Structure formats: structure tokens, C-alpha cells
C-alpha atoms as a PDB file:
ATOM      1  CA  MET A   1       3.233  22.953  -6.661  1.00  0.00           C
ATOM      2  CA  ASP A   2       4.883  21.235  -9.864  1.00  0.00           C
ATOM      3  CA  HIS A   3       2.342  21.056 -12.762  1.00  0.00           C
ATOM      4  CA  TYR A   4       3.612  17.595 -13.544  1.00  0.00           C
ATOM      5  CA  LEU A   5       3.339  16.223 -10.357  1.00  0.00           C
ATOM      6  CA  ALA A   6       0.107  17.395  -9.284  1.00  0.00           C
ATOM      7  CA  THR A   7      -1.112  16.443 -12.655  1.00  0.00           C
ATOM      8  CA  ARG A   8       0.172  12.848 -13.141  1.00  0.00           C
ATOM      9  CA  TYR A   9       0.095  11.853  -9.475  1.00  0.00           C
ATOM     10  CA  HIS A  10      -2.453  14.219  -8.260  1.00  0.00           C
ATOM     11  CA  LEU A  11       0.122  14.926  -5.322  1.00  0.00           C
ATOM     12  CA  ASN A  12      -0.637  16.530  -2.385  1.00  0.00           C
ATOM     13  CA  ASP A  13       2.546  18.743  -0.240  1.00  0.00           C
ATOM     14  CA  PHE A  14       1.243  19.901   3.029  1.00  0.00           C
ATOM     15  CA  GLY A  15       2.117  20.448   6.789  1.00  0.00           C
ATOM     16  CA  ASN A  16       4.138  22.735   9.231  1.00  0.00           C
ATOM     17  CA  GLY A  17       7.008  20.491   9.402  1.00  0.00           C
ATOM     18  CA  THR A  18      10.395  20.021   7.158  1.00  0.00           C
ATOM     19  CA  GLU A  19      10.750  16.013   8.153  1.00  0.00           C
ATOM     20  CA  PRO A  20       9.028  14.443   5.296  1.00  0.00           C
ATOM     21  CA  LEU A  21       6.593  11.635   5.873  1.00  0.00           C
ATOM     22  CA  LEU A  22       5.787  10.094   2.179  1.00  0.00           C
ATOM     23  CA  PHE A  23       2.060   8.197   2.230  1.00  0.00           C
ATOM     24  CA  LEU A  24       1.618   4.932  -0.665  1.00  0.00           C
ATOM     25  CA  HIS A  25      -1.699   3.654  -0.862  1.00  0.00           C
ATOM     26  CA  GLY A  26      -2.505   0.183  -1.708  1.00  0.00           C
ATOM     27  CA  PHE A  27      -4.616  -1.380  -4.405  1.00  0.00           C
ATOM     28  CA  ALA A  28      -7.889   0.199  -5.891  1.00  0.00           C
ATOM     29  CA  SER A  29      -7.160   2.648  -3.147  1.00  0.00           C
ATOM     30  CA  ASN A  30      -6.181   6.608  -3.343  1.00  0.00           C
ATOM     31  CA  GLN A  31      -4.666   8.872  -1.029  1.00  0.00           C
ATOM     32  CA  ASN A  32      -7.727   9.361   0.770  1.00  0.00           C
ATOM     33  CA  THR A  33      -7.722   6.571   2.806  1.00  0.00           C
ATOM     34  CA  TRP A  34      -4.846   8.296   4.742  1.00  0.00           C
ATOM     35  CA  GLY A  35      -7.556  11.334   5.542  1.00  0.00           C
ATOM     36  CA  TRP A  36      -7.739   9.516   9.457  1.00  0.00           C
ATOM     37  CA  ILE A  37      -4.303   9.654   9.665  1.00  0.00           C
ATOM     38  CA  THR A  38      -2.261  12.344   8.408  1.00  0.00           C
ATOM     39  CA  PRO A  39      -3.891  15.207  10.399  1.00  0.00           C
ATOM     40  CA  ALA A  40      -2.163  13.931  13.675  1.00  0.00           C
ATOM     41  CA  PHE A  41       1.398  14.457  11.890  1.00  0.00           C
ATOM     42  CA  GLU A  42       0.544  17.664   9.783  1.00  0.00           C
ATOM     43  CA  ARG A  43       2.065  19.711  12.779  1.00  0.00           C
ATOM     44  CA  ASP A  44       5.418  17.868  13.355  1.00  0.00           C
ATOM     45  CA  TYR A  45       6.034  16.732   9.677  1.00  0.00           C
ATOM     46  CA  ARG A  46       5.893  17.586   5.924  1.00  0.00           C
ATOM     47  CA  ILE A  47       3.519  15.232   4.292  1.00  0.00           C
ATOM     48  CA  ILE A  48       3.423  14.014   0.846  1.00  0.00           C
ATOM     49  CA  GLN A  49       0.739  11.803  -0.573  1.00  0.00           C
ATOM     50  CA  PHE A  50      -0.171  10.892  -3.961  1.00  0.00           C
ATOM     51  CA  ASP A  51      -1.883   8.567  -6.360  1.00  0.00           C
ATOM     52  CA  PHE A  52      -0.393   5.710  -8.016  1.00  0.00           C
ATOM     53  CA  VAL A  53      -1.106   6.238 -11.956  1.00  0.00           C
ATOM     54  CA  GLY A  54      -4.359   5.245 -12.665  1.00  0.00           C
ATOM     55  CA  SER A  55      -5.723   5.190  -9.785  1.00  0.00           C
ATOM     56  CA  GLY A  56      -7.579   7.703  -7.728  1.00  0.00           C
ATOM     57  CA  ALA A  57      -7.326  11.569  -9.396  1.00  0.00           C
ATOM     58  CA  SER A  58      -4.374  10.732 -11.106  1.00  0.00           C
ATOM     59  CA  ASP A  59      -3.504  11.355 -14.819  1.00  0.00           C
ATOM     60  CA  ARG A  60      -5.752   8.398 -16.722  1.00  0.00           C
ATOM     61  CA  SER A  61      -4.025   9.087 -19.555  1.00  0.00           C
ATOM     62  CA  ALA A  62      -0.422   8.509 -18.135  1.00  0.00           C
ATOM     63  CA  TYR A  63      -1.412   5.000 -17.653  1.00  0.00           C
ATOM     64  CA  ASP A  64       1.014   2.737 -19.535  1.00  0.00           C
ATOM     65  CA  ALA A  65      -0.204  -1.022 -19.619  1.00  0.00           C
ATOM     66  CA  GLU A  66       3.647  -2.191 -20.409  1.00  0.00           C
ATOM     67  CA  ARG A  67       5.133  -0.052 -17.957  1.00  0.00           C
ATOM     68  CA  TYR A  68       2.934  -1.404 -14.841  1.00  0.00           C
ATOM     69  CA  ASP A  69       3.129  -4.752 -15.980  1.00  0.00           C
ATOM     70  CA  SER A  70       5.385  -5.132 -13.032  1.00  0.00           C
ATOM     71  CA  LEU A  71       5.377  -3.108  -9.818  1.00  0.00           C
ATOM     72  CA  GLU A  72       8.734  -1.778 -10.598  1.00  0.00           C
ATOM     73  CA  GLY A  73       7.134   0.592 -12.929  1.00  0.00           C
ATOM     74  CA  TYR A  74       5.314   2.051  -9.625  1.00  0.00           C
ATOM     75  CA  ALA A  75       8.658   1.631  -7.799  1.00  0.00           C
ATOM     76  CA  ASP A  76      10.116   4.098 -10.539  1.00  0.00           C
ATOM     77  CA  ASP A  77       7.320   6.775  -9.783  1.00  0.00           C
ATOM     78  CA  VAL A  78       7.930   7.180  -6.501  1.00  0.00           C
ATOM     79  CA  ILE A  79      11.464   7.539  -7.227  1.00  0.00           C
ATOM     80  CA  ASP A  80      10.220   9.929  -9.842  1.00  0.00           C
ATOM     81  CA  VAL A  81       8.263  12.198  -7.134  1.00  0.00           C
ATOM     82  CA  CYS A  82      11.180  11.877  -4.544  1.00  0.00           C
ATOM     83  CA  ASP A  83      13.848  13.377  -6.976  1.00  0.00           C
ATOM     84  CA  ARG A  84      11.238  16.263  -8.691  1.00  0.00           C
ATOM     85  CA  LEU A  85      10.683  17.181  -4.738  1.00  0.00           C
ATOM     86  CA  ASN A  86      14.064  16.870  -3.854  1.00  0.00           C
ATOM     87  CA  LEU A  87      13.335  14.862  -0.862  1.00  0.00           C
ATOM     88  CA  LYS A  88      15.853  13.359   1.345  1.00  0.00           C
ATOM     89  CA  ASN A  89      15.458  11.315   4.807  1.00  0.00           C
ATOM     90  CA  ILE A  90      12.358  10.345   3.703  1.00  0.00           C
ATOM     91  CA  THR A  91      10.159   7.732   6.734  1.00  0.00           C
ATOM     92  CA  VAL A  92       7.440   6.287   3.980  1.00  0.00           C
ATOM     93  CA  ILE A  93       4.613   5.014   5.671  1.00  0.00           C
ATOM     94  CA  ALA A  94       3.015   2.428   2.989  1.00  0.00           C
ATOM     95  CA  HIS A  95      -0.022  -0.068   3.255  1.00  0.00           C
ATOM     96  CA  SER A  96      -0.706  -3.110   1.562  1.00  0.00           C
ATOM     97  CA  VAL A  97       1.108  -3.161  -2.244  1.00  0.00           C
ATOM     98  CA  GLY A  98       2.412   0.167  -1.537  1.00  0.00           C
ATOM     99  CA  GLY A  99       4.331  -1.458   1.107  1.00  0.00           C
ATOM    100  CA  LEU A 100       5.833  -3.895  -1.483  1.00  0.00           C
ATOM    101  CA  ILE A 101       6.315  -1.063  -3.764  1.00  0.00           C
ATOM    102  CA  ALA A 102       8.161   0.987  -0.954  1.00  0.00           C
ATOM    103  CA  LEU A 103      10.714  -1.777  -0.440  1.00  0.00           C
ATOM    104  CA  LEU A 104      11.133  -1.981  -4.191  1.00  0.00           C
ATOM    105  CA  THR A 105      12.072   1.693  -4.207  1.00  0.00           C
ATOM    106  CA  SER A 106      14.360   0.885  -1.382  1.00  0.00           C
ATOM    107  CA  ALA A 107      16.181  -1.505  -3.155  1.00  0.00           C
ATOM    108  CA  LYS A 108      16.519   0.654  -6.185  1.00  0.00           C
ATOM    109  CA  ARG A 109      17.435   3.616  -4.703  1.00  0.00           C
ATOM    110  CA  GLU A 110      18.645   2.499  -1.201  1.00  0.00           C
ATOM    111  CA  ASP A 111      19.663   6.182  -0.516  1.00  0.00           C
ATOM    112  CA  LEU A 112      16.134   7.644  -0.076  1.00  0.00           C
ATOM    113  CA  PHE A 113      14.208   6.101   2.945  1.00  0.00           C
ATOM    114  CA  LYS A 114      15.611   6.336   6.290  1.00  0.00           C
ATOM    115  CA  LYS A 115      12.858   3.948   7.831  1.00  0.00           C
ATOM    116  CA  ILE A 116      10.182   2.340   6.081  1.00  0.00           C
ATOM    117  CA  ILE A 117       6.508   1.234   7.882  1.00  0.00           C
ATOM    118  CA  LEU A 118       4.681  -1.340   6.309  1.00  0.00           C
ATOM    119  CA  ILE A 119       0.744  -1.848   7.021  1.00  0.00           C
ATOM    120  CA  GLY A 120      -0.693  -5.227   5.755  1.00  0.00           C
ATOM    121  CA  ALA A 121       1.988  -5.590   3.319  1.00  0.00           C
ATOM    122  CA  SER A 122       3.486  -8.987   1.660  1.00  0.00           C
ATOM    123  CA  PRO A 123       5.968 -10.013  -0.575  1.00  0.00           C
ATOM    124  CA  CYS A 124       4.104 -12.755  -2.303  1.00  0.00           C
ATOM    125  CA  TYR A 125       0.347 -13.403  -2.082  1.00  0.00           C
ATOM    126  CA  LEU A 126       0.734 -16.766  -3.339  1.00  0.00           C
ATOM    127  CA  ASN A 127       1.072 -20.203  -1.679  1.00  0.00           C
ATOM    128  CA  LYS A 128       4.084 -21.608  -2.014  1.00  0.00           C
ATOM    129  CA  GLY A 129       5.700 -25.032  -0.641  1.00  0.00           C
ATOM    130  CA  ASP A 130       6.105 -24.130   2.858  1.00  0.00           C
ATOM    131  CA  TYR A 131       5.589 -20.219   2.040  1.00  0.00           C
ATOM    132  CA  HIS A 132       1.781 -19.479   3.027  1.00  0.00           C
ATOM    133  CA  GLY A 133       0.984 -16.573   1.005  1.00  0.00           C
ATOM    134  CA  GLY A 134      -2.725 -16.735   1.843  1.00  0.00           C
ATOM    135  CA  PHE A 135      -3.735 -17.551  -2.007  1.00  0.00           C
ATOM    136  CA  THR A 136      -4.250 -20.083  -4.278  1.00  0.00           C
ATOM    137  CA  GLU A 137      -3.915 -19.632  -7.698  1.00  0.00           C
ATOM    138  CA  GLU A 138      -7.593 -20.634  -8.669  1.00  0.00           C
ATOM    139  CA  ALA A 139      -8.486 -18.411  -5.856  1.00  0.00           C
ATOM    140  CA  ILE A 140      -6.696 -15.207  -7.516  1.00  0.00           C
ATOM    141  CA  GLU A 141      -7.852 -16.379 -10.862  1.00  0.00           C
ATOM    142  CA  HIS A 142     -11.877 -16.991  -9.843  1.00  0.00           C
ATOM    143  CA  VAL A 143     -11.430 -12.735  -8.366  1.00  0.00           C
ATOM    144  CA  LEU A 144     -10.304 -11.871 -11.632  1.00  0.00           C
ATOM    145  CA  ASN A 145     -12.967 -13.479 -13.616  1.00  0.00           C
ATOM    146  CA  MET A 146     -15.066 -11.403 -11.348  1.00  0.00           C
ATOM    147  CA  MET A 147     -13.784  -8.419 -12.008  1.00  0.00           C
ATOM    148  CA  GLU A 148     -14.110  -8.933 -15.759  1.00  0.00           C
ATOM    149  CA  GLU A 149     -17.981 -10.444 -15.688  1.00  0.00           C
ATOM    150  CA  ASN A 150     -19.258  -8.089 -12.885  1.00  0.00           C
ATOM    151  CA  PHE A 151     -16.979  -5.295 -11.569  1.00  0.00           C
ATOM    152  CA  VAL A 152     -19.460  -3.722  -9.552  1.00  0.00           C
ATOM    153  CA  GLY A 153     -20.365  -7.199  -8.253  1.00  0.00           C
ATOM    154  CA  TRP A 154     -16.752  -7.857  -7.652  1.00  0.00           C
ATOM    155  CA  ALA A 155     -16.525  -4.617  -5.562  1.00  0.00           C
ATOM    156  CA  SER A 156     -19.215  -5.674  -3.510  1.00  0.00           C
ATOM    157  CA  TYR A 157     -18.041  -9.010  -2.831  1.00  0.00           C
ATOM    158  CA  LEU A 158     -14.260  -8.234  -1.927  1.00  0.00           C
ATOM    159  CA  ALA A 159     -14.789  -4.873   0.325  1.00  0.00           C
ATOM    160  CA  PRO A 160     -16.307  -7.018   3.127  1.00  0.00           C
ATOM    161  CA  VAL A 161     -13.315  -9.845   2.972  1.00  0.00           C
ATOM    162  CA  ALA A 162     -11.071  -7.041   2.841  1.00  0.00           C
ATOM    163  CA  LEU A 163     -12.640  -5.088   5.899  1.00  0.00           C
ATOM    164  CA  PRO A 164     -15.185  -6.565   7.781  1.00  0.00           C
ATOM    165  CA  LYS A 165     -18.773  -5.114   8.823  1.00  0.00           C
ATOM    166  CA  SER A 166     -17.638  -5.911  12.048  1.00  0.00           C
ATOM    167  CA  GLU A 167     -15.054  -3.272  12.077  1.00  0.00           C
ATOM    168  CA  GLY A 168     -17.828  -0.762  11.072  1.00  0.00           C
ATOM    169  CA  ALA A 169     -20.313  -0.833   8.330  1.00  0.00           C
ATOM    170  CA  ASP A 170     -19.599   2.571   7.556  1.00  0.00           C
ATOM    171  CA  ASN A 171     -15.595   1.754   7.111  1.00  0.00           C
ATOM    172  CA  THR A 172     -16.402  -1.638   4.458  1.00  0.00           C
ATOM    173  CA  ALA A 173     -18.745   0.629   2.857  1.00  0.00           C
ATOM    174  CA  PHE A 174     -16.006   3.443   2.092  1.00  0.00           C
ATOM    175  CA  ILE A 175     -13.559   0.443   0.898  1.00  0.00           C
ATOM    176  CA  GLU A 176     -16.362  -0.883  -1.983  1.00  0.00           C
ATOM    177  CA  LYS A 177     -16.986   2.469  -3.195  1.00  0.00           C
ATOM    178  CA  ASN A 178     -13.369   2.895  -3.561  1.00  0.00           C
ATOM    179  CA  PHE A 179     -13.452  -0.421  -5.307  1.00  0.00           C
ATOM    180  CA  GLN A 180     -16.183   0.411  -7.507  1.00  0.00           C
ATOM    181  CA  ILE A 181     -14.874   4.071  -8.291  1.00  0.00           C
ATOM    182  CA  SER A 182     -11.147   2.844  -9.610  1.00  0.00           C
ATOM    183  CA  ASP A 183     -10.705   2.187 -13.262  1.00  0.00           C
ATOM    184  CA  PRO A 184     -11.674  -1.165 -14.486  1.00  0.00           C
ATOM    185  CA  GLU A 185      -8.885  -1.932 -16.260  1.00  0.00           C
ATOM    186  CA  VAL A 186      -6.315  -0.163 -14.528  1.00  0.00           C
ATOM    187  CA  THR A 187      -7.737  -2.286 -11.486  1.00  0.00           C
ATOM    188  CA  TYR A 188      -7.349  -5.659 -13.006  1.00  0.00           C
ATOM    189  CA  ASN A 189      -4.174  -5.177 -14.573  1.00  0.00           C
ATOM    190  CA  PHE A 190      -2.965  -3.823 -10.808  1.00  0.00           C
ATOM    191  CA  PHE A 191      -4.738  -7.127  -8.971  1.00  0.00           C
ATOM    192  CA  LYS A 192      -3.027  -9.488 -11.443  1.00  0.00           C
ATOM    193  CA  VAL A 193       0.434  -8.283 -11.208  1.00  0.00           C
ATOM    194  CA  THR A 194       0.276  -7.932  -7.430  1.00  0.00           C
ATOM    195  CA  MET A 195      -1.446 -11.058  -6.525  1.00  0.00           C
ATOM    196  CA  LEU A 196       0.670 -13.290  -9.196  1.00  0.00           C
ATOM    197  CA  SER A 197       4.068 -11.285  -8.064  1.00  0.00           C
ATOM    198  CA  ASP A 198       6.838 -12.832  -5.784  1.00  0.00           C
ATOM    199  CA  TYR A 199       9.175 -10.222  -4.583  1.00  0.00           C
ATOM    200  CA  ARG A 200      10.256 -12.697  -1.447  1.00  0.00           C
ATOM    201  CA  ALA A 201      14.057 -12.930  -2.634  1.00  0.00           C
ATOM    202  CA  ILE A 202      14.291  -8.688  -2.190  1.00  0.00           C
ATOM    203  CA  LEU A 203      13.833  -8.760   1.395  1.00  0.00           C
ATOM    204  CA  SER A 204      17.207  -9.999   2.240  1.00  0.00           C
ATOM    205  CA  THR A 205      18.762  -7.024   0.404  1.00  0.00           C
ATOM    206  CA  ILE A 206      16.714  -3.894   2.086  1.00  0.00           C
ATOM    207  CA  ARG A 207      19.301  -2.416   4.429  1.00  0.00           C
ATOM    208  CA  VAL A 208      16.732   0.346   5.851  1.00  0.00           C
ATOM    209  CA  PRO A 209      15.298   0.288   8.813  1.00  0.00           C
ATOM    210  CA  THR A 210      11.659  -1.273   8.452  1.00  0.00           C
ATOM    211  CA  VAL A 211       8.785  -1.587  10.616  1.00  0.00           C
ATOM    212  CA  ILE A 212       6.137  -4.300   9.976  1.00  0.00           C
ATOM    213  CA  ILE A 213       2.091  -3.137  11.098  1.00  0.00           C
ATOM    214  CA  GLN A 214      -0.064  -5.982  11.329  1.00  0.00           C
ATOM    215  CA  CYS A 215      -3.739  -6.497  12.240  1.00  0.00           C
ATOM    216  CA  SER A 216      -3.781  -9.939  14.203  1.00  0.00           C
ATOM    217  CA  ASP A 217      -6.683 -11.034  11.817  1.00  0.00           C
ATOM    218  CA  ASP A 218      -6.322  -9.968   8.070  1.00  0.00           C
ATOM    219  CA  SER A 219      -8.004 -12.047   5.131  1.00  0.00           C
ATOM    220  CA  PHE A 220      -5.519 -10.649   2.459  1.00  0.00           C
ATOM    221  CA  VAL A 221      -2.331 -10.954   4.372  1.00  0.00           C
ATOM    222  CA  PRO A 222      -1.961 -13.910   7.059  1.00  0.00           C
ATOM    223  CA  LEU A 223       0.201 -13.496  10.278  1.00  0.00           C
ATOM    224  CA  ASP A 224       2.845 -15.978   8.736  1.00  0.00           C
ATOM    225  CA  VAL A 225       3.361 -13.394   6.125  1.00  0.00           C
ATOM    226  CA  ALA A 226       4.613 -10.542   8.545  1.00  0.00           C
ATOM    227  CA  HIS A 227       6.580 -13.458  10.667  1.00  0.00           C
ATOM    228  CA  TYR A 228       8.026 -13.811   7.343  1.00  0.00           C
ATOM    229  CA  MET A 229       8.934 -10.642   6.504  1.00  0.00           C
ATOM    230  CA  ASP A 230       9.880 -10.295  10.457  1.00  0.00           C
ATOM    231  CA  ASN A 231      12.477 -12.890   9.633  1.00  0.00           C
ATOM    232  CA  GLN A 232      13.814 -12.101   6.467  1.00  0.00           C
ATOM    233  CA  LEU A 233      14.614  -8.478   6.595  1.00  0.00           C
ATOM    234  CA  ASP A 234      17.909  -7.404   8.035  1.00  0.00           C
ATOM    235  CA  ASN A 235      16.631  -4.739  10.490  1.00  0.00           C
ATOM    236  CA  SER A 236      13.195  -4.864  11.407  1.00  0.00           C
ATOM    237  CA  GLN A 237      10.448  -5.041  14.145  1.00  0.00           C
ATOM    238  CA  LEU A 238       6.816  -6.322  13.841  1.00  0.00           C
ATOM    239  CA  HIS A 239       4.207  -4.297  15.657  1.00  0.00           C
ATOM    240  CA  ILE A 240       0.656  -6.417  15.619  1.00  0.00           C
ATOM    241  CA  LEU A 241      -2.405  -4.415  16.026  1.00  0.00           C
ATOM    242  CA  THR A 242      -5.727  -6.189  18.204  1.00  0.00           C
ATOM    243  CA  ALA A 243      -7.168  -4.389  14.459  1.00  0.00           C
ATOM    244  CA  LYS A 244      -8.861  -6.994  12.317  1.00  0.00           C
ATOM    245  CA  GLY A 245      -9.149  -6.692   8.402  1.00  0.00           C
ATOM    246  CA  HIS A 246      -6.803  -4.723   6.156  1.00  0.00           C
ATOM    247  CA  TYR A 247      -7.626  -1.148   6.393  1.00  0.00           C
ATOM    248  CA  PRO A 248      -6.667  -0.463  10.028  1.00  0.00           C
ATOM    249  CA  HIS A 249      -5.604   3.308   9.248  1.00  0.00           C
ATOM    250  CA  VAL A 250      -9.340   3.295   8.184  1.00  0.00           C
ATOM    251  CA  SER A 251     -11.312   1.310  10.585  1.00  0.00           C
ATOM    252  CA  GLN A 252      -8.619   1.852  14.101  1.00  0.00           C
ATOM    253  CA  PRO A 253      -7.164   5.186  13.178  1.00  0.00           C
ATOM    254  CA  GLU A 254      -6.191   6.043  16.765  1.00  0.00           C
ATOM    255  CA  GLU A 255      -4.683   2.457  17.046  1.00  0.00           C
ATOM    256  CA  THR A 256      -2.889   2.735  14.048  1.00  0.00           C
ATOM    257  CA  ILE A 257      -1.749   6.507  14.753  1.00  0.00           C
ATOM    258  CA  GLU A 258      -0.523   5.464  18.293  1.00  0.00           C
ATOM    259  CA  ALA A 259       1.248   2.195  16.619  1.00  0.00           C
ATOM    260  CA  LEU A 260       2.960   4.849  13.825  1.00  0.00           C
ATOM    261  CA  ARG A 261       4.083   7.597  17.040  1.00  0.00           C
ATOM    262  CA  THR A 262       5.671   4.854  18.408  1.00  0.00           C
ATOM    263  CA  PHE A 263       8.090   4.302  15.801  1.00  0.00           C
ATOM    264  CA  LEU A 264       8.672   7.669  14.063  1.00  0.00           C
END
């Protein structure tokens, strides 16, 4: 294992196959959220997963607030990983903002991915005109203020919104713990840049076949957003799960695995 990749990104590279599956996690999260999913694919694929800089067990000292003041900084990191591993014909499976980062990566380097599979992704979380992203600026500011004033309280508040306890109290607790152990400064900045960004314009430029996997009821990403993306992307398929919440790979891994197998 390349020391740089292992240290900077806490990268893990495993599996018995040769075709690469690259897993990207979402906001205030880490690669451990894929733990219910990857065992189903280890026999047939090469699995690559890592933590975005500042998240999980990545190198916190590598975090540069200026670089990551835009999601494109994270996309540059994905390119860095793929180039250092000399990966080709990659299928990327990406959750939440990780999905948007995957799209940005493809916009920068169309040669990297042969397929993009998005789970609960959004190009814009803000309501703008006729576009229903799910959040007002006031709602986002409220969460940002909460994060500044009481980080632990913020995590306890947002976790059951992201993954309702009806989808399993243990699963909600897992998400809450991930929120709580995330670095407060990085998490604040990551949330702000994620929620206030608008990358809708890049959708029409993506030529790579894209699958949109969406929960039937997601407080972070309304179904309207999934349909919007499906309409704007040039070559896409939309698959709606029965699962509810923003983390189907945690709460309903069997259904998520079945969907992934369908499109791989």
C-alpha cells in the first residue's frame, strides 16, 4: 500500500476481483458506512474506499480550508487517488455529497469512470425559484448556528432527521456517533460548502452512464431532486427504493445491494 494514500486518505484496497469499485462516503461520515455493502462485492471486484481529507481516519493535518472551500477540492482528491492507483474503467458508487463529488470528478476527467452510481445525491440543496432542493437559506443557517453553539447537540438533532429511528434505532445511533466524532471545524465547513453550493449546471455536461438510487422518503433529498437529475443527465436511470431516510446502505443494506447488483 502506498504510504501517502494510506496516510492522507486512510485508503483501503481489497477484494478478489480486478474490476474496480470506488466507494465515496458522504458528509460527516467515513468509509465505515459501506461496511454493510462491500462484503457482497469482495469476491468479484476490487474494492477501493477512503476517507475524504478531514473525515474519518484521514490525515487531519492535510486539511486545507482554502482547498476545501469548494467541493472541487474533494474532486481533485478523487483524481489523485485514481491516478496514483492507475485505476481505469472505474465504477464509482457514491453517497450524498460524495455523489456530487463523483459528478464533479467526471466533469473534470471524463476518462476515469465507466459508470456512476449515486445514492441520495443532490446537485443543489437550496430551494431556488421553481427548483425544490429541500432547504431554505434560513434552515441551513439554523443548522450552522447549532453546530457552532452545541456540536454534540447538533449531532443528536440531525441524526434522526437523516435516518429516522423507524428505520432502526441502532442505525440512527450509528449515524449520530459518526456525526459526533467528526472534526467540528471540518464538519462545519463541509456542511456549509455542501449545502450552499449549486452545481446543477454540470449535469448536462456528464456523458458517463449514471444511475440515481433514491429512497422513497429522504428528508435531505426530496424525490423531486432525483427526478430533476434524471431529466438533466444525458444518460441516466432512476431507481427508487422502498427504504426511507438518507442512509439506505446502513438501514436497508439488502435492498441497496440488490439495486447495486442490478446496475453493475
